Amino acid sequence: MSSIPKEICGVTAITKANVYFEGKVVSHSLLLQDGTKKTLGLIYPGKYHFNTDKPETMEIVAGECAVRNDGQTVTSRHAAGEAFEVPGKSGFEIEIKSGICEYICTFLS
């Protein structure tokens, strides 16, 4: 289990939201002083596919999800306090069965 932060200090927050799938996935970008980019977001019930440019770590803040990375046959389940990684130049499918899944996505170099 990862230690999900309760707050992220010393950031620049981008106020324009990233809105996907007709508002069922919404996030805001954060730029850290060391150049790291993160997004904080919400995912409403449904199944969604995302492509990745850079590798990502997704930390689940609240709720739960099922995830299948592109090229994989196994679906993994993640709940609050857990994290999963997605390779760069790839993608993943994420499914929320009920409630809202809150996450922090860190874009890795």
N, C-alpha and C. Protein backbone atom coordinates (compact mmCIF):
# COMPACT_ATOMS: atom_id res chain seq x y z
N MET A 1 0.84 -1.17 0.00
CA MET A 1 0.00 0.00 0.00
C MET A 1 0.88 1.24 0.00
N SER A 2 0.54 2.20 -0.85
CA SER A 2 1.33 3.43 -0.89
C SER A 2 0.79 4.42 0.14
N SER A 3 1.59 5.43 0.43
CA SER A 3 1.12 6.46 1.35
C SER A 3 0.57 7.62 0.51
N ILE A 4 -0.72 7.63 0.33
CA ILE A 4 -1.40 8.64 -0.49
C ILE A 4 -1.36 9.96 0.27
N PRO A 5 -0.86 11.03 -0.36
CA PRO A 5 -0.80 12.31 0.34
C PRO A 5 -2.20 12.89 0.58
N LYS A 6 -2.36 13.54 1.72
CA LYS A 6 -3.62 14.24 2.03
C LYS A 6 -3.61 15.65 1.47
N GLU A 7 -2.41 16.17 1.21
CA GLU A 7 -2.26 17.48 0.58
C GLU A 7 -0.94 17.52 -0.17
N ILE A 8 -0.91 18.39 -1.18
CA ILE A 8 0.30 18.58 -1.97
C ILE A 8 0.64 20.06 -1.89
N CYS A 9 1.74 20.39 -1.24
CA CYS A 9 2.12 21.78 -1.02
C CYS A 9 3.05 22.29 -2.12
N GLY A 10 3.10 23.60 -2.26
CA GLY A 10 4.06 24.23 -3.16
C GLY A 10 3.80 23.92 -4.63
N VAL A 11 2.55 24.01 -5.06
CA VAL A 11 2.22 23.69 -6.45
C VAL A 11 1.57 24.87 -7.14
N THR A 12 1.60 24.83 -8.46
CA THR A 12 0.80 25.73 -9.28
C THR A 12 -0.37 24.91 -9.79
N ALA A 13 -1.58 25.36 -9.52
CA ALA A 13 -2.78 24.66 -9.96
C ALA A 13 -3.31 25.31 -11.22
N ILE A 14 -3.58 24.50 -12.22
CA ILE A 14 -4.18 24.98 -13.47
C ILE A 14 -5.69 24.97 -13.26
N THR A 15 -6.33 26.12 -13.38
CA THR A 15 -7.74 26.21 -13.04
C THR A 15 -8.67 25.63 -14.10
N LYS A 16 -8.25 25.57 -15.35
CA LYS A 16 -9.08 24.98 -16.40
C LYS A 16 -9.05 23.47 -16.24
N ALA A 17 -10.22 22.88 -16.10
CA ALA A 17 -10.32 21.43 -15.89
C ALA A 17 -10.04 20.65 -17.17
N ASN A 18 -9.54 19.44 -17.00
CA ASN A 18 -9.44 18.46 -18.07
C ASN A 18 -10.72 17.63 -17.99
N VAL A 19 -11.57 17.72 -19.00
CA VAL A 19 -12.87 17.06 -18.97
C VAL A 19 -12.91 16.01 -20.08
N TYR A 20 -13.20 14.77 -19.69
CA TYR A 20 -13.26 13.65 -20.62
C TYR A 20 -14.60 12.93 -20.51
N PHE A 21 -14.97 12.24 -21.58
CA PHE A 21 -16.15 11.38 -21.58
C PHE A 21 -17.39 12.11 -21.07
N GLU A 22 -17.66 13.26 -21.68
CA GLU A 22 -18.85 14.06 -21.38
C GLU A 22 -18.97 14.39 -19.89
N GLY A 23 -17.83 14.67 -19.25
CA GLY A 23 -17.82 15.08 -17.85
C GLY A 23 -17.80 13.95 -16.85
N LYS A 24 -17.67 12.72 -17.32
CA LYS A 24 -17.65 11.59 -16.38
C LYS A 24 -16.26 11.35 -15.79
N VAL A 25 -15.24 11.99 -16.38
CA VAL A 25 -13.89 11.99 -15.82
C VAL A 25 -13.40 13.43 -15.88
N VAL A 26 -13.03 13.98 -14.72
CA VAL A 26 -12.61 15.38 -14.64
C VAL A 26 -11.38 15.46 -13.76
N SER A 27 -10.37 16.23 -14.21
CA SER A 27 -9.18 16.41 -13.39
C SER A 27 -8.65 17.84 -13.53
N HIS A 28 -7.79 18.19 -12.60
CA HIS A 28 -7.07 19.47 -12.64
C HIS A 28 -5.57 19.16 -12.57
N SER A 29 -4.79 19.88 -13.36
CA SER A 29 -3.35 19.68 -13.39
C SER A 29 -2.66 20.49 -12.30
N LEU A 30 -1.64 19.89 -11.72
CA LEU A 30 -0.79 20.54 -10.73
C LEU A 30 0.65 20.47 -11.22
N LEU A 31 1.36 21.58 -11.14
CA LEU A 31 2.77 21.62 -11.52
C LEU A 31 3.58 21.84 -10.25
N LEU A 32 4.45 20.88 -9.94
CA LEU A 32 5.27 20.98 -8.73
C LEU A 32 6.53 21.78 -9.01
N GLN A 33 7.16 22.29 -7.96
CA GLN A 33 8.35 23.11 -8.10
C GLN A 33 9.50 22.38 -8.77
N ASP A 34 9.55 21.04 -8.63
CA ASP A 34 10.64 20.27 -9.24
C ASP A 34 10.36 19.90 -10.71
N GLY A 35 9.23 20.41 -11.25
CA GLY A 35 8.88 20.14 -12.64
C GLY A 35 7.94 18.96 -12.84
N THR A 36 7.65 18.22 -11.78
CA THR A 36 6.73 17.09 -11.86
C THR A 36 5.32 17.60 -12.14
N LYS A 37 4.58 16.86 -12.98
CA LYS A 37 3.18 17.18 -13.25
C LYS A 37 2.32 16.08 -12.65
N LYS A 38 1.26 16.50 -11.97
CA LYS A 38 0.28 15.58 -11.41
C LYS A 38 -1.10 16.06 -11.83
N THR A 39 -2.06 15.16 -11.79
CA THR A 39 -3.45 15.58 -11.91
C THR A 39 -4.22 15.00 -10.73
N LEU A 40 -5.21 15.76 -10.27
CA LEU A 40 -6.14 15.31 -9.24
C LEU A 40 -7.49 15.17 -9.93
N GLY A 41 -8.13 14.03 -9.78
CA GLY A 41 -9.35 13.87 -10.53
C GLY A 41 -10.39 12.98 -9.90
N LEU A 42 -11.55 12.98 -10.57
CA LEU A 42 -12.71 12.18 -10.20
C LEU A 42 -13.13 11.36 -11.41
N ILE A 43 -13.52 10.11 -11.17
CA ILE A 43 -14.05 9.27 -12.23
C ILE A 43 -15.40 8.73 -11.76
N TYR A 44 -16.43 9.01 -12.54
CA TYR A 44 -17.77 8.55 -12.23
C TYR A 44 -17.98 7.15 -12.81
N PRO A 45 -19.02 6.44 -12.38
CA PRO A 45 -19.23 5.08 -12.86
C PRO A 45 -19.23 4.97 -14.39
N GLY A 46 -18.57 3.92 -14.87
CA GLY A 46 -18.47 3.64 -16.30
C GLY A 46 -17.15 2.98 -16.60
N LYS A 47 -16.92 2.70 -17.89
CA LYS A 47 -15.68 2.08 -18.35
C LYS A 47 -15.05 3.03 -19.37
N TYR A 48 -13.76 3.36 -19.16
CA TYR A 48 -13.09 4.36 -19.98
C TYR A 48 -11.70 3.87 -20.38
N HIS A 49 -11.26 4.28 -21.58
CA HIS A 49 -9.92 3.94 -22.04
C HIS A 49 -9.10 5.22 -22.17
N PHE A 50 -7.87 5.19 -21.64
CA PHE A 50 -6.94 6.31 -21.75
C PHE A 50 -5.65 5.85 -22.39
N ASN A 51 -5.10 6.66 -23.25
CA ASN A 51 -3.77 6.44 -23.81
C ASN A 51 -2.76 7.18 -22.94
N THR A 52 -1.53 6.65 -22.88
CA THR A 52 -0.48 7.32 -22.11
C THR A 52 0.67 7.71 -23.03
N ASP A 53 1.25 8.85 -22.74
CA ASP A 53 2.47 9.27 -23.42
C ASP A 53 3.65 8.86 -22.54
N LYS A 54 3.66 9.41 -21.32
CA LYS A 54 4.70 9.07 -20.34
C LYS A 54 4.17 8.00 -19.40
N PRO A 55 5.07 7.29 -18.72
CA PRO A 55 4.61 6.36 -17.68
C PRO A 55 3.87 7.14 -16.59
N GLU A 56 2.91 6.48 -15.96
CA GLU A 56 2.09 7.12 -14.93
C GLU A 56 1.96 6.22 -13.71
N THR A 57 1.84 6.87 -12.57
CA THR A 57 1.42 6.18 -11.35
C THR A 57 0.09 6.76 -10.95
N MET A 58 -0.89 5.91 -10.78
CA MET A 58 -2.23 6.33 -10.35
C MET A 58 -2.43 5.89 -8.91
N GLU A 59 -2.66 6.86 -8.03
CA GLU A 59 -2.92 6.58 -6.62
C GLU A 59 -4.41 6.80 -6.36
N ILE A 60 -5.05 5.83 -5.77
CA ILE A 60 -6.48 5.92 -5.50
C ILE A 60 -6.67 6.57 -4.13
N VAL A 61 -7.33 7.72 -4.12
CA VAL A 61 -7.57 8.48 -2.89
C VAL A 61 -8.83 7.98 -2.20
N ALA A 62 -9.89 7.73 -2.98
CA ALA A 62 -11.17 7.26 -2.44
C ALA A 62 -11.87 6.45 -3.53
N GLY A 63 -12.72 5.52 -3.09
CA GLY A 63 -13.44 4.68 -4.03
C GLY A 63 -12.61 3.50 -4.47
N GLU A 64 -13.04 2.86 -5.56
CA GLU A 64 -12.31 1.71 -6.08
C GLU A 64 -12.52 1.60 -7.57
N CYS A 65 -11.61 0.85 -8.22
CA CYS A 65 -11.64 0.72 -9.67
C CYS A 65 -11.07 -0.63 -10.08
N ALA A 66 -11.38 -1.00 -11.32
CA ALA A 66 -10.78 -2.16 -11.95
C ALA A 66 -9.99 -1.64 -13.14
N VAL A 67 -8.77 -2.15 -13.33
CA VAL A 67 -7.86 -1.63 -14.36
C VAL A 67 -7.27 -2.78 -15.18
N ARG A 68 -7.20 -2.56 -16.50
CA ARG A 68 -6.52 -3.50 -17.38
C ARG A 68 -5.62 -2.69 -18.30
N ASN A 69 -4.31 -2.91 -18.18
CA ASN A 69 -3.35 -2.24 -19.05
C ASN A 69 -3.45 -2.82 -20.46
N ASP A 70 -3.22 -1.99 -21.47
CA ASP A 70 -3.21 -2.47 -22.85
C ASP A 70 -2.24 -3.64 -22.99
N GLY A 71 -2.65 -4.64 -23.76
CA GLY A 71 -1.81 -5.79 -24.00
C GLY A 71 -1.87 -6.84 -22.90
N GLN A 72 -2.64 -6.58 -21.86
CA GLN A 72 -2.76 -7.53 -20.75
C GLN A 72 -4.14 -8.17 -20.77
N THR A 73 -4.25 -9.36 -20.21
CA THR A 73 -5.56 -10.02 -20.11
C THR A 73 -6.11 -9.96 -18.69
N VAL A 74 -5.24 -9.68 -17.73
CA VAL A 74 -5.64 -9.67 -16.32
C VAL A 74 -6.11 -8.28 -15.92
N THR A 75 -7.24 -8.25 -15.21
CA THR A 75 -7.76 -7.00 -14.65
C THR A 75 -7.40 -6.98 -13.17
N SER A 76 -6.85 -5.85 -12.71
CA SER A 76 -6.51 -5.70 -11.29
C SER A 76 -7.51 -4.76 -10.64
N ARG A 77 -7.75 -4.95 -9.37
CA ARG A 77 -8.68 -4.11 -8.62
C ARG A 77 -7.89 -3.29 -7.61
N HIS A 78 -8.29 -2.02 -7.46
CA HIS A 78 -7.57 -1.11 -6.58
C HIS A 78 -8.58 -0.30 -5.77
N ALA A 79 -8.30 -0.16 -4.49
CA ALA A 79 -9.15 0.60 -3.58
C ALA A 79 -8.35 1.76 -2.99
N ALA A 80 -9.04 2.59 -2.22
CA ALA A 80 -8.40 3.74 -1.58
C ALA A 80 -7.13 3.31 -0.85
N GLY A 81 -6.05 4.07 -1.06
CA GLY A 81 -4.76 3.78 -0.43
C GLY A 81 -3.86 2.94 -1.29
N GLU A 82 -4.35 2.47 -2.43
CA GLU A 82 -3.55 1.64 -3.32
C GLU A 82 -3.15 2.43 -4.56
N ALA A 83 -2.19 1.89 -5.30
CA ALA A 83 -1.70 2.56 -6.52
C ALA A 83 -1.42 1.52 -7.58
N PHE A 84 -1.39 1.97 -8.83
CA PHE A 84 -0.99 1.11 -9.94
C PHE A 84 -0.21 1.94 -10.94
N GLU A 85 0.58 1.25 -11.77
CA GLU A 85 1.41 1.94 -12.75
C GLU A 85 0.97 1.57 -14.15
N VAL A 86 1.16 2.53 -15.06
CA VAL A 86 0.84 2.32 -16.47
C VAL A 86 2.08 2.70 -17.27
N PRO A 87 2.52 1.84 -18.18
CA PRO A 87 3.70 2.18 -18.98
C PRO A 87 3.43 3.36 -19.91
N GLY A 88 4.51 4.03 -20.32
CA GLY A 88 4.40 5.09 -21.31
C GLY A 88 4.13 4.52 -22.69
N LYS A 89 3.64 5.38 -23.58
CA LYS A 89 3.32 4.98 -24.96
C LYS A 89 2.44 3.74 -24.97
N SER A 90 1.44 3.74 -24.11
CA SER A 90 0.56 2.59 -23.94
C SER A 90 -0.84 3.10 -23.65
N GLY A 91 -1.56 2.39 -22.81
CA GLY A 91 -2.89 2.81 -22.42
C GLY A 91 -3.46 1.86 -21.39
N PHE A 92 -4.64 2.20 -20.90
CA PHE A 92 -5.31 1.35 -19.93
C PHE A 92 -6.80 1.61 -19.96
N GLU A 93 -7.54 0.60 -19.53
CA GLU A 93 -8.99 0.71 -19.39
C GLU A 93 -9.28 0.71 -17.89
N ILE A 94 -10.10 1.65 -17.47
CA ILE A 94 -10.46 1.74 -16.05
C ILE A 94 -11.97 1.69 -15.94
N GLU A 95 -12.45 0.90 -14.99
CA GLU A 95 -13.89 0.77 -14.79
C GLU A 95 -14.24 1.07 -13.34
N ILE A 96 -15.26 1.91 -13.18
CA ILE A 96 -15.80 2.24 -11.87
C ILE A 96 -17.21 1.66 -11.85
N LYS A 97 -17.46 0.74 -10.95
CA LYS A 97 -18.78 0.09 -10.91
C LYS A 97 -19.81 0.94 -10.18
N SER A 98 -19.41 1.62 -9.11
CA SER A 98 -20.36 2.46 -8.36
C SER A 98 -19.58 3.51 -7.58
N GLY A 99 -20.28 4.56 -7.21
CA GLY A 99 -19.65 5.64 -6.47
C GLY A 99 -18.71 6.45 -7.35
N ILE A 100 -17.83 7.17 -6.73
CA ILE A 100 -16.85 8.01 -7.43
C ILE A 100 -15.46 7.55 -7.01
N CYS A 101 -14.58 7.42 -7.98
CA CYS A 101 -13.18 7.10 -7.71
C CYS A 101 -12.38 8.40 -7.78
N GLU A 102 -11.69 8.73 -6.71
CA GLU A 102 -10.83 9.92 -6.67
C GLU A 102 -9.38 9.46 -6.79
N TYR A 103 -8.59 10.20 -7.58
CA TYR A 103 -7.22 9.75 -7.83
C TYR A 103 -6.24 10.91 -7.93
N ILE A 104 -4.96 10.55 -7.77
CA ILE A 104 -3.83 11.41 -8.07
C ILE A 104 -3.01 10.67 -9.12
N CYS A 105 -2.79 11.32 -10.25
CA CYS A 105 -1.97 10.73 -11.31
C CYS A 105 -0.64 11.49 -11.35
N THR A 106 0.46 10.77 -11.26
CA THR A 106 1.79 11.37 -11.37
C THR A 106 2.40 10.92 -12.69
N PHE A 107 2.82 11.89 -13.50
CA PHE A 107 3.44 11.60 -14.79
C PHE A 107 4.94 11.46 -14.55
N LEU A 108 5.47 10.30 -14.88
CA LEU A 108 6.87 9.99 -14.64
C LEU A 108 7.70 10.32 -15.89
N SER A 109 9.01 10.55 -15.70
CA SER A 109 9.85 10.84 -16.88
C SER A 109 10.60 9.63 -17.33
